[in-house]
PDB file of all heavy atoms in Angstrom:
ATOM      1  N   LEU A   1     -30.673 -21.830 -10.302  1.00  0.00           N
ATOM      2  CA  LEU A   1     -29.506 -21.527 -11.149  1.00  0.00           C
ATOM      3  C   LEU A   1     -29.113 -20.080 -11.000  1.00  0.00           C
ATOM      4  O   LEU A   1     -27.933 -19.703 -10.971  1.00  0.00           O
ATOM      5  CB  LEU A   1     -29.704 -22.079 -12.572  1.00  0.00           C
ATOM      6  CG  LEU A   1     -28.523 -21.948 -13.529  1.00  0.00           C
ATOM      7  CD1 LEU A   1     -27.331 -22.664 -13.009  1.00  0.00           C
ATOM      8  CD2 LEU A   1     -28.841 -22.163 -14.941  1.00  0.00           C
ATOM      9  N   ALA A   2     -30.164 -19.180 -11.290  1.00  0.00           N
ATOM     10  CA  ALA A   2     -29.752 -17.694 -11.136  1.00  0.00           C
ATOM     11  C   ALA A   2     -29.271 -17.305  -9.863  1.00  0.00           C
ATOM     12  O   ALA A   2     -28.321 -16.574  -9.792  1.00  0.00           O
ATOM     13  CB  ALA A   2     -31.084 -16.952 -11.447  1.00  0.00           C
ATOM     14  N   ALA A   3     -29.770 -17.866  -8.721  1.00  0.00           N
ATOM     15  CA  ALA A   3     -29.386 -17.572  -7.387  1.00  0.00           C
ATOM     16  C   ALA A   3     -27.871 -18.134  -7.149  1.00  0.00           C
ATOM     17  O   ALA A   3     -27.020 -17.407  -6.652  1.00  0.00           O
ATOM     18  CB  ALA A   3     -30.340 -18.202  -6.412  1.00  0.00           C
ATOM     19  N   PHE A   4     -27.702 -19.298  -7.702  1.00  0.00           N
ATOM     20  CA  PHE A   4     -26.313 -19.899  -7.632  1.00  0.00           C
ATOM     21  C   PHE A   4     -25.292 -19.102  -8.323  1.00  0.00           C
ATOM     22  O   PHE A   4     -24.341 -18.759  -7.806  1.00  0.00           O
ATOM     23  CB  PHE A   4     -26.298 -21.191  -8.080  1.00  0.00           C
ATOM     24  CG  PHE A   4     -25.005 -22.050  -8.116  1.00  0.00           C
ATOM     25  CD1 PHE A   4     -24.357 -22.404  -6.878  1.00  0.00           C
ATOM     26  CD2 PHE A   4     -24.381 -22.139  -9.362  1.00  0.00           C
ATOM     27  CE1 PHE A   4     -23.166 -23.022  -7.009  1.00  0.00           C
ATOM     28  CE2 PHE A   4     -23.018 -22.720  -9.352  1.00  0.00           C
ATOM     29  CZ  PHE A   4     -22.448 -23.159  -8.293  1.00  0.00           C
ATOM     30  N   LEU A   5     -25.557 -18.770  -9.554  1.00  0.00           N
ATOM     31  CA  LEU A   5     -24.582 -17.996 -10.314  1.00  0.00           C
ATOM     32  C   LEU A   5     -24.439 -16.512  -9.797  1.00  0.00           C
ATOM     33  O   LEU A   5     -23.363 -16.076  -9.850  1.00  0.00           O
ATOM     34  CB  LEU A   5     -25.128 -17.968 -11.827  1.00  0.00           C
ATOM     35  CG  LEU A   5     -25.135 -19.272 -12.515  1.00  0.00           C
ATOM     36  CD1 LEU A   5     -25.663 -19.006 -14.065  1.00  0.00           C
ATOM     37  CD2 LEU A   5     -23.816 -19.836 -12.759  1.00  0.00           C
ATOM     38  N   GLY A   6     -25.579 -16.007  -9.225  1.00  0.00           N
ATOM     39  CA  GLY A   6     -25.441 -14.684  -8.756  1.00  0.00           C
ATOM     40  C   GLY A   6     -24.498 -14.640  -7.441  1.00  0.00           C
ATOM     41  O   GLY A   6     -23.744 -13.792  -7.395  1.00  0.00           O
ATOM     42  N   LEU A   7     -24.729 -15.738  -6.633  1.00  0.00           N
ATOM     43  CA  LEU A   7     -23.930 -15.728  -5.351  1.00  0.00           C
ATOM     44  C   LEU A   7     -22.450 -16.071  -5.771  1.00  0.00           C
ATOM     45  O   LEU A   7     -21.523 -15.566  -5.218  1.00  0.00           O
ATOM     46  CB  LEU A   7     -24.387 -16.862  -4.553  1.00  0.00           C
ATOM     47  CG  LEU A   7     -25.794 -16.493  -3.839  1.00  0.00           C
ATOM     48  CD1 LEU A   7     -26.352 -17.815  -2.979  1.00  0.00           C
ATOM     49  CD2 LEU A   7     -25.720 -15.365  -2.834  1.00  0.00           C
ATOM     50  N   THR A   8     -22.407 -16.950  -6.772  1.00  0.00           N
ATOM     51  CA  THR A   8     -20.895 -17.206  -7.384  1.00  0.00           C
ATOM     52  C   THR A   8     -20.240 -16.056  -7.741  1.00  0.00           C
ATOM     53  O   THR A   8     -19.093 -15.756  -7.528  1.00  0.00           O
ATOM     54  CB  THR A   8     -20.977 -18.340  -8.279  1.00  0.00           C
ATOM     55  OG1 THR A   8     -21.663 -19.465  -7.879  1.00  0.00           O
ATOM     56  CG2 THR A   8     -19.590 -18.613  -8.836  1.00  0.00           C
ATOM     57  N   GLY A   9     -21.011 -15.292  -8.653  1.00  0.00           N
ATOM     58  CA  GLY A   9     -20.398 -13.920  -9.122  1.00  0.00           C
ATOM     59  C   GLY A   9     -20.029 -12.947  -8.041  1.00  0.00           C
ATOM     60  O   GLY A   9     -19.010 -12.390  -8.029  1.00  0.00           O
ATOM     61  N   LEU A  10     -21.018 -12.878  -7.019  1.00  0.00           N
ATOM     62  CA  LEU A  10     -20.596 -11.900  -5.907  1.00  0.00           C
ATOM     63  C   LEU A  10     -19.421 -12.465  -5.141  1.00  0.00           C
ATOM     64  O   LEU A  10     -18.574 -11.581  -4.741  1.00  0.00           O
ATOM     65  CB  LEU A  10     -21.900 -11.899  -5.062  1.00  0.00           C
ATOM     66  CG  LEU A  10     -21.792 -11.036  -3.718  1.00  0.00           C
ATOM     67  CD1 LEU A  10     -21.701  -9.458  -4.112  1.00  0.00           C
ATOM     68  CD2 LEU A  10     -23.069 -11.180  -2.885  1.00  0.00           C
ATOM     69  N   ALA A  11     -19.374 -13.782  -4.792  1.00  0.00           N
ATOM     70  CA  ALA A  11     -18.194 -14.251  -4.129  1.00  0.00           C
ATOM     71  C   ALA A  11     -16.895 -14.064  -4.965  1.00  0.00           C
ATOM     72  O   ALA A  11     -15.942 -13.635  -4.456  1.00  0.00           O
ATOM     73  CB  ALA A  11     -18.438 -15.757  -3.853  1.00  0.00           C
ATOM     74  N   GLN A  12     -17.006 -14.327  -6.213  1.00  0.00           N
ATOM     75  CA  GLN A  12     -15.860 -14.062  -7.102  1.00  0.00           C
ATOM     76  C   GLN A  12     -15.385 -12.632  -7.239  1.00  0.00           C
ATOM     77  O   GLN A  12     -14.202 -12.242  -7.160  1.00  0.00           O
ATOM     78  CB  GLN A  12     -16.075 -14.613  -8.454  1.00  0.00           C
ATOM     79  CG  GLN A  12     -16.137 -16.149  -8.639  1.00  0.00           C
ATOM     80  CD  GLN A  12     -16.457 -16.644  -9.998  1.00  0.00           C
ATOM     81  OE1 GLN A  12     -16.892 -15.922 -10.784  1.00  0.00           O
ATOM     82  NE2 GLN A  12     -16.115 -17.905 -10.158  1.00  0.00           N
ATOM     83  N   ASN A  13     -16.405 -11.635  -7.189  1.00  0.00           N
ATOM     84  CA  ASN A  13     -16.138 -10.320  -7.159  1.00  0.00           C
ATOM     85  C   ASN A  13     -15.409  -9.843  -5.972  1.00  0.00           C
ATOM     86  O   ASN A  13     -14.380  -9.107  -5.991  1.00  0.00           O
ATOM     87  CB  ASN A  13     -17.469  -9.476  -7.376  1.00  0.00           C
ATOM     88  CG  ASN A  13     -17.810  -9.211  -8.796  1.00  0.00           C
ATOM     89  OD1 ASN A  13     -16.884  -9.211  -9.666  1.00  0.00           O
ATOM     90  ND2 ASN A  13     -19.162  -9.234  -9.106  1.00  0.00           N
ATOM     91  N   LYS A  14     -15.930 -10.340  -4.798  1.00  0.00           N
ATOM     92  CA  LYS A  14     -15.319 -10.006  -3.498  1.00  0.00           C
ATOM     93  C   LYS A  14     -13.831 -10.513  -3.481  1.00  0.00           C
ATOM     94  O   LYS A  14     -12.912  -9.821  -3.068  1.00  0.00           O
ATOM     95  CB  LYS A  14     -16.112 -10.517  -2.410  1.00  0.00           C
ATOM     96  CG  LYS A  14     -17.334  -9.799  -2.143  1.00  0.00           C
ATOM     97  CD  LYS A  14     -18.031 -10.160  -0.946  1.00  0.00           C
ATOM     98  CE  LYS A  14     -19.361  -9.336  -0.669  1.00  0.00           C
ATOM     99  NZ  LYS A  14     -18.838  -7.815  -0.352  1.00  0.00           N
ATOM    100  N   ALA A  15     -13.695 -11.794  -3.924  1.00  0.00           N
ATOM    101  CA  ALA A  15     -12.347 -12.339  -3.986  1.00  0.00           C
ATOM    102  C   ALA A  15     -11.441 -11.662  -4.903  1.00  0.00           C
ATOM    103  O   ALA A  15     -10.207 -11.353  -4.687  1.00  0.00           O
ATOM    104  CB  ALA A  15     -12.430 -13.770  -4.345  1.00  0.00           C
ATOM    105  N   ASN A  16     -12.011 -11.272  -6.215  1.00  0.00           N
ATOM    106  CA  ASN A  16     -11.148 -10.476  -7.054  1.00  0.00           C
ATOM    107  C   ASN A  16     -10.665  -9.050  -6.627  1.00  0.00           C
ATOM    108  O   ASN A  16      -9.677  -8.671  -6.687  1.00  0.00           O
ATOM    109  CB  ASN A  16     -11.904 -10.354  -8.276  1.00  0.00           C
ATOM    110  CG  ASN A  16     -11.018  -9.560  -9.416  1.00  0.00           C
ATOM    111  OD1 ASN A  16     -10.061 -10.017  -9.872  1.00  0.00           O
ATOM    112  ND2 ASN A  16     -11.581  -8.291  -9.609  1.00  0.00           N
ATOM    113  N   TYR A  17     -11.721  -8.366  -5.833  1.00  0.00           N
ATOM    114  CA  TYR A  17     -11.539  -7.140  -5.272  1.00  0.00           C
ATOM    115  C   TYR A  17     -10.372  -7.320  -4.281  1.00  0.00           C
ATOM    116  O   TYR A  17      -9.373  -6.443  -4.163  1.00  0.00           O
ATOM    117  CB  TYR A  17     -12.716  -6.539  -4.560  1.00  0.00           C
ATOM    118  CG  TYR A  17     -12.574  -5.186  -4.091  1.00  0.00           C
ATOM    119  CD1 TYR A  17     -12.896  -4.021  -4.948  1.00  0.00           C
ATOM    120  CD2 TYR A  17     -12.261  -4.907  -2.828  1.00  0.00           C
ATOM    121  CE1 TYR A  17     -12.783  -2.728  -4.444  1.00  0.00           C
ATOM    122  CE2 TYR A  17     -12.061  -3.637  -2.311  1.00  0.00           C
ATOM    123  CZ  TYR A  17     -12.276  -2.538  -3.254  1.00  0.00           C
ATOM    124  OH  TYR A  17     -12.174  -1.321  -2.604  1.00  0.00           O
ATOM    125  N   ALA A  18     -10.404  -8.239  -3.376  1.00  0.00           N
ATOM    126  CA  ALA A  18      -9.408  -8.436  -2.334  1.00  0.00           C
ATOM    127  C   ALA A  18      -8.020  -8.796  -2.968  1.00  0.00           C
ATOM    128  O   ALA A  18      -6.920  -8.304  -2.562  1.00  0.00           O
ATOM    129  CB  ALA A  18      -9.783  -9.585  -1.392  1.00  0.00           C
ATOM    130  N   SER A  19      -8.108  -9.591  -4.058  1.00  0.00           N
ATOM    131  CA  SER A  19      -6.867  -9.985  -4.783  1.00  0.00           C
ATOM    132  C   SER A  19      -6.290  -8.855  -5.442  1.00  0.00           C
ATOM    133  O   SER A  19      -5.001  -8.604  -5.421  1.00  0.00           O
ATOM    134  CB  SER A  19      -7.135 -11.200  -5.784  1.00  0.00           C
ATOM    135  OG  SER A  19      -6.114 -11.436  -6.550  1.00  0.00           O
ATOM    136  N   GLU A  20      -7.050  -7.912  -6.116  1.00  0.00           N
ATOM    137  CA  GLU A  20      -6.488  -6.689  -6.670  1.00  0.00           C
ATOM    138  C   GLU A  20      -5.927  -5.804  -5.726  1.00  0.00           C
ATOM    139  O   GLU A  20      -4.887  -5.143  -5.994  1.00  0.00           O
ATOM    140  CB  GLU A  20      -7.582  -6.131  -7.611  1.00  0.00           C
ATOM    141  CG  GLU A  20      -7.984  -6.928  -8.828  1.00  0.00           C
ATOM    142  CD  GLU A  20      -6.887  -6.824  -9.850  1.00  0.00           C
ATOM    143  OE1 GLU A  20      -6.067  -5.920  -9.790  1.00  0.00           O
ATOM    144  OE2 GLU A  20      -7.064  -7.740 -10.714  1.00  0.00           O
ATOM    145  N   LEU A  21      -6.664  -5.637  -4.643  1.00  0.00           N
ATOM    146  CA  LEU A  21      -6.122  -4.815  -3.648  1.00  0.00           C
ATOM    147  C   LEU A  21      -4.691  -5.193  -2.981  1.00  0.00           C
ATOM    148  O   LEU A  21      -3.810  -4.573  -2.820  1.00  0.00           O
ATOM    149  CB  LEU A  21      -7.145  -4.704  -2.431  1.00  0.00           C
ATOM    150  CG  LEU A  21      -7.036  -3.444  -1.468  1.00  0.00           C
ATOM    151  CD1 LEU A  21      -7.200  -2.188  -2.224  1.00  0.00           C
ATOM    152  CD2 LEU A  21      -8.068  -3.674  -0.324  1.00  0.00           C
ATOM    153  N   SER A  22      -4.682  -6.666  -2.924  1.00  0.00           N
ATOM    154  CA  SER A  22      -3.392  -7.142  -2.345  1.00  0.00           C
ATOM    155  C   SER A  22      -2.281  -7.102  -3.297  1.00  0.00           C
ATOM    156  O   SER A  22      -1.141  -6.691  -3.006  1.00  0.00           O
ATOM    157  CB  SER A  22      -3.630  -8.664  -2.037  1.00  0.00           C
ATOM    158  OG  SER A  22      -2.481  -9.240  -1.598  1.00  0.00           O
ATOM    159  N   ALA A  23      -2.671  -7.253  -4.696  1.00  0.00           N
ATOM    160  CA  ALA A  23      -1.653  -6.992  -5.783  1.00  0.00           C
ATOM    161  C   ALA A  23      -1.244  -5.527  -5.703  1.00  0.00           C
ATOM    162  O   ALA A  23       0.110  -5.346  -5.925  1.00  0.00           O
ATOM    163  CB  ALA A  23      -2.405  -7.425  -7.016  1.00  0.00           C
ATOM    164  N   MET A  24      -2.100  -4.649  -5.497  1.00  0.00           N
ATOM    165  CA  MET A  24      -1.704  -3.201  -5.505  1.00  0.00           C
ATOM    166  C   MET A  24      -0.855  -2.973  -4.388  1.00  0.00           C
ATOM    167  O   MET A  24       0.174  -2.103  -4.519  1.00  0.00           O
ATOM    168  CB  MET A  24      -2.943  -2.255  -5.584  1.00  0.00           C
ATOM    169  CG  MET A  24      -2.578  -0.795  -5.590  1.00  0.00           C
ATOM    170  SD  MET A  24      -4.003   0.234  -5.863  1.00  0.00           S
ATOM    171  CE  MET A  24      -5.020  -0.217  -4.426  1.00  0.00           C
ATOM    172  N   HIS A  25      -1.050  -3.439  -3.261  1.00  0.00           N
ATOM    173  CA  HIS A  25      -0.244  -3.276  -2.046  1.00  0.00           C
ATOM    174  C   HIS A  25       1.192  -3.862  -2.360  1.00  0.00           C
ATOM    175  O   HIS A  25       2.145  -3.097  -2.070  1.00  0.00           O
ATOM    176  CB  HIS A  25      -0.909  -4.061  -0.815  1.00  0.00           C
ATOM    177  CG  HIS A  25       0.010  -4.089   0.313  1.00  0.00           C
ATOM    178  ND1 HIS A  25       0.952  -5.044   0.526  1.00  0.00           N
ATOM    179  CD2 HIS A  25       0.094  -3.264   1.462  1.00  0.00           C
ATOM    180  CE1 HIS A  25       1.577  -4.962   1.623  1.00  0.00           C
ATOM    181  NE2 HIS A  25       1.068  -3.720   2.216  1.00  0.00           N
ATOM    182  N   ASP A  26       1.265  -5.083  -2.940  1.00  0.00           N
ATOM    183  CA  ASP A  26       2.453  -5.576  -3.190  1.00  0.00           C
ATOM    184  C   ASP A  26       3.217  -4.734  -4.186  1.00  0.00           C
ATOM    185  O   ASP A  26       4.588  -4.467  -4.114  1.00  0.00           O
ATOM    186  CB  ASP A  26       2.347  -7.043  -3.754  1.00  0.00           C
ATOM    187  CG  ASP A  26       1.808  -7.932  -2.587  1.00  0.00           C
ATOM    188  OD1 ASP A  26       1.896  -7.588  -1.458  1.00  0.00           O
ATOM    189  OD2 ASP A  26       1.370  -8.956  -3.057  1.00  0.00           O
ATOM    190  N   ARG A  27       2.525  -4.237  -5.207  1.00  0.00           N
ATOM    191  CA  ARG A  27       3.090  -3.449  -6.292  1.00  0.00           C
ATOM    192  C   ARG A  27       3.750  -2.191  -5.735  1.00  0.00           C
ATOM    193  O   ARG A  27       4.810  -1.813  -6.062  1.00  0.00           O
ATOM    194  CB  ARG A  27       2.167  -3.184  -7.430  1.00  0.00           C
ATOM    195  CG  ARG A  27       2.704  -2.550  -8.659  1.00  0.00           C
ATOM    196  CD  ARG A  27       1.764  -2.599  -9.837  1.00  0.00           C
ATOM    197  NE  ARG A  27       0.413  -2.006  -9.550  1.00  0.00           N
ATOM    198  CZ  ARG A  27      -0.621  -2.622  -9.354  1.00  0.00           C
ATOM    199  NH1 ARG A  27      -0.591  -4.019  -9.442  1.00  0.00           N
ATOM    200  NH2 ARG A  27      -1.724  -2.202  -9.080  1.00  0.00           N
ATOM    201  N   LEU A  28       2.882  -1.507  -4.932  1.00  0.00           N
ATOM    202  CA  LEU A  28       3.425  -0.205  -4.287  1.00  0.00           C
ATOM    203  C   LEU A  28       4.594  -0.539  -3.398  1.00  0.00           C
ATOM    204  O   LEU A  28       5.420   0.387  -3.221  1.00  0.00           O
ATOM    205  CB  LEU A  28       2.261   0.541  -3.601  1.00  0.00           C
ATOM    206  CG  LEU A  28       1.089   0.905  -4.605  1.00  0.00           C
ATOM    207  CD1 LEU A  28       0.040   1.714  -3.687  1.00  0.00           C
ATOM    208  CD2 LEU A  28       1.454   1.888  -5.575  1.00  0.00           C
ATOM    209  N   HIS A  29       4.483  -1.635  -2.517  1.00  0.00           N
ATOM    210  CA  HIS A  29       5.558  -1.928  -1.701  1.00  0.00           C
ATOM    211  C   HIS A  29       6.856  -2.082  -2.424  1.00  0.00           C
ATOM    212  O   HIS A  29       7.970  -1.674  -2.097  1.00  0.00           O
ATOM    213  CB  HIS A  29       5.194  -3.222  -0.944  1.00  0.00           C
ATOM    214  CG  HIS A  29       6.221  -3.699  -0.014  1.00  0.00           C
ATOM    215  ND1 HIS A  29       7.225  -4.605  -0.403  1.00  0.00           N
ATOM    216  CD2 HIS A  29       6.587  -3.443   1.309  1.00  0.00           C
ATOM    217  CE1 HIS A  29       7.987  -4.863   0.449  1.00  0.00           C
ATOM    218  NE2 HIS A  29       7.646  -4.185   1.571  1.00  0.00           N
ATOM    219  N   ASN A  30       6.748  -2.802  -3.688  1.00  0.00           N
ATOM    220  CA  ASN A  30       8.021  -2.946  -4.469  1.00  0.00           C
ATOM    221  C   ASN A  30       8.464  -1.739  -5.009  1.00  0.00           C
ATOM    222  O   ASN A  30       9.694  -1.501  -5.092  1.00  0.00           O
ATOM    223  CB  ASN A  30       7.644  -3.925  -5.583  1.00  0.00           C
ATOM    224  CG  ASN A  30       7.341  -5.449  -5.148  1.00  0.00           C
ATOM    225  OD1 ASN A  30       7.888  -5.732  -4.023  1.00  0.00           O
ATOM    226  ND2 ASN A  30       6.578  -6.192  -5.938  1.00  0.00           N
ATOM    227  N   TYR A  31       7.662  -0.751  -5.386  1.00  0.00           N
ATOM    228  CA  TYR A  31       8.028   0.524  -5.927  1.00  0.00           C
ATOM    229  C   TYR A  31       8.774   1.233  -4.797  1.00  0.00           C
ATOM    230  O   TYR A  31       9.857   1.924  -4.959  1.00  0.00           O
ATOM    231  CB  TYR A  31       6.860   1.449  -6.388  1.00  0.00           C
ATOM    232  CG  TYR A  31       6.206   0.904  -7.628  1.00  0.00           C
ATOM    233  CD1 TYR A  31       4.963   1.176  -7.955  1.00  0.00           C
ATOM    234  CD2 TYR A  31       7.020   0.231  -8.598  1.00  0.00           C
ATOM    235  CE1 TYR A  31       4.362   0.793  -9.176  1.00  0.00           C
ATOM    236  CE2 TYR A  31       6.425  -0.162  -9.773  1.00  0.00           C
ATOM    237  CZ  TYR A  31       5.125   0.100 -10.080  1.00  0.00           C
ATOM    238  OH  TYR A  31       4.648  -0.416 -11.325  1.00  0.00           O
ATOM    239  N   ALA A  32       8.309   1.147  -3.539  1.00  0.00           N
ATOM    240  CA  ALA A  32       8.886   1.924  -2.450  1.00  0.00           C
ATOM    241  C   ALA A  32      10.296   1.329  -2.146  1.00  0.00           C
ATOM    242  O   ALA A  32      11.300   2.095  -1.859  1.00  0.00           O
ATOM    243  CB  ALA A  32       8.052   1.734  -1.273  1.00  0.00           C
ATOM    244  N   ILE A  33      10.380  -0.041  -2.224  1.00  0.00           N
ATOM    245  CA  ILE A  33      11.723  -0.678  -2.004  1.00  0.00           C
ATOM    246  C   ILE A  33      12.705  -0.226  -3.082  1.00  0.00           C
ATOM    247  O   ILE A  33      13.903  -0.064  -2.846  1.00  0.00           O
ATOM    248  CB  ILE A  33      11.418  -2.180  -2.020  1.00  0.00           C
ATOM    249  CG1 ILE A  33      10.706  -2.740  -0.849  1.00  0.00           C
ATOM    250  CG2 ILE A  33      12.917  -2.964  -1.904  1.00  0.00           C
ATOM    251  CD1 ILE A  33      11.286  -2.319   0.488  1.00  0.00           C
ATOM    252  N   ALA A  34      12.216  -0.136  -4.343  1.00  0.00           N
ATOM    253  CA  ALA A  34      13.069   0.278  -5.398  1.00  0.00           C
ATOM    254  C   ALA A  34      13.673   1.744  -5.137  1.00  0.00           C
ATOM    255  O   ALA A  34      14.857   2.054  -5.375  1.00  0.00           O
ATOM    256  CB  ALA A  34      12.375   0.196  -6.738  1.00  0.00           C
ATOM    257  N   TYR A  35      12.770   2.629  -4.659  1.00  0.00           N
ATOM    258  CA  TYR A  35      13.106   3.934  -4.327  1.00  0.00           C
ATOM    259  C   TYR A  35      14.139   3.896  -3.167  1.00  0.00           C
ATOM    260  O   TYR A  35      15.119   4.651  -3.189  1.00  0.00           O
ATOM    261  CB  TYR A  35      11.983   4.893  -4.017  1.00  0.00           C
ATOM    262  CG  TYR A  35      11.376   5.550  -5.225  1.00  0.00           C
ATOM    263  CD1 TYR A  35      10.126   5.039  -5.657  1.00  0.00           C
ATOM    264  CD2 TYR A  35      11.983   6.434  -5.890  1.00  0.00           C
ATOM    265  CE1 TYR A  35       9.564   5.565  -6.784  1.00  0.00           C
ATOM    266  CE2 TYR A  35      11.470   7.021  -7.023  1.00  0.00           C
ATOM    267  CZ  TYR A  35      10.136   6.659  -7.472  1.00  0.00           C
ATOM    268  OH  TYR A  35       9.589   7.150  -8.688  1.00  0.00           O
ATOM    269  N   ILE A  36      13.910   3.078  -2.210  1.00  0.00           N
ATOM    270  CA  ILE A  36      14.773   3.015  -1.017  1.00  0.00           C
ATOM    271  C   ILE A  36      16.145   2.481  -1.445  1.00  0.00           C
ATOM    272  O   ILE A  36      17.209   2.960  -1.020  1.00  0.00           O
ATOM    273  CB  ILE A  36      14.220   2.119  -0.030  1.00  0.00           C
ATOM    274  CG1 ILE A  36      12.894   2.738   0.688  1.00  0.00           C
ATOM    275  CG2 ILE A  36      15.210   1.881   1.187  1.00  0.00           C
ATOM    276  CD1 ILE A  36      12.121   1.811   1.582  1.00  0.00           C
ATOM    277  N   THR A  37      16.161   1.561  -2.337  1.00  0.00           N
ATOM    278  CA  THR A  37      17.355   0.896  -2.826  1.00  0.00           C
ATOM    279  C   THR A  37      18.226   2.043  -3.569  1.00  0.00           C
ATOM    280  O   THR A  37      19.496   1.965  -3.453  1.00  0.00           O
ATOM    281  CB  THR A  37      17.139  -0.334  -3.664  1.00  0.00           C
ATOM    282  OG1 THR A  37      16.428  -1.172  -2.908  1.00  0.00           O
ATOM    283  CG2 THR A  37      18.511  -0.819  -4.106  1.00  0.00           C
ATOM    284  N   GLY A  38      17.533   2.829  -4.295  1.00  0.00           N
ATOM    285  CA  GLY A  38      18.363   3.818  -5.209  1.00  0.00           C
ATOM    286  C   GLY A  38      18.605   5.046  -4.425  1.00  0.00           C
ATOM    287  O   GLY A  38      19.187   5.984  -5.185  1.00  0.00           O
ATOM    288  N   THR A  39      18.222   5.255  -3.247  1.00  0.00           N
ATOM    289  CA  THR A  39      18.475   6.484  -2.535  1.00  0.00           C
ATOM    290  C   THR A  39      19.769   6.342  -1.753  1.00  0.00           C
ATOM    291  O   THR A  39      20.029   5.433  -1.095  1.00  0.00           O
ATOM    292  CB  THR A  39      17.300   6.789  -1.570  1.00  0.00           C
ATOM    293  OG1 THR A  39      16.129   6.879  -2.346  1.00  0.00           O
ATOM    294  CG2 THR A  39      17.625   8.112  -0.890  1.00  0.00           C
ATOM    295  N   ASP A  40      20.586   7.462  -1.848  1.00  0.00           N
ATOM    296  CA  ASP A  40      21.865   7.608  -1.131  1.00  0.00           C
ATOM    297  C   ASP A  40      21.951   8.761  -0.213  1.00  0.00           C
ATOM    298  O   ASP A  40      21.294   9.888  -0.461  1.00  0.00           O
ATOM    299  CB  ASP A  40      23.009   7.647  -2.121  1.00  0.00           C
ATOM    300  CG  ASP A  40      23.161   6.296  -2.860  1.00  0.00           C
ATOM    301  OD1 ASP A  40      22.970   5.173  -2.214  1.00  0.00           O
ATOM    302  OD2 ASP A  40      23.650   6.301  -4.013  1.00  0.00           O
TER     303      ASP A  40
END
């Protein structure tokens, strides 16, 4: 059970890290689009 929960936690951490990194990429991308749209 300890090994299973440990591996589960490790897998979830990696998945969350990738998810947070992807979310940050999308967020920064949206900020950049907002600046591009407002620039003349």
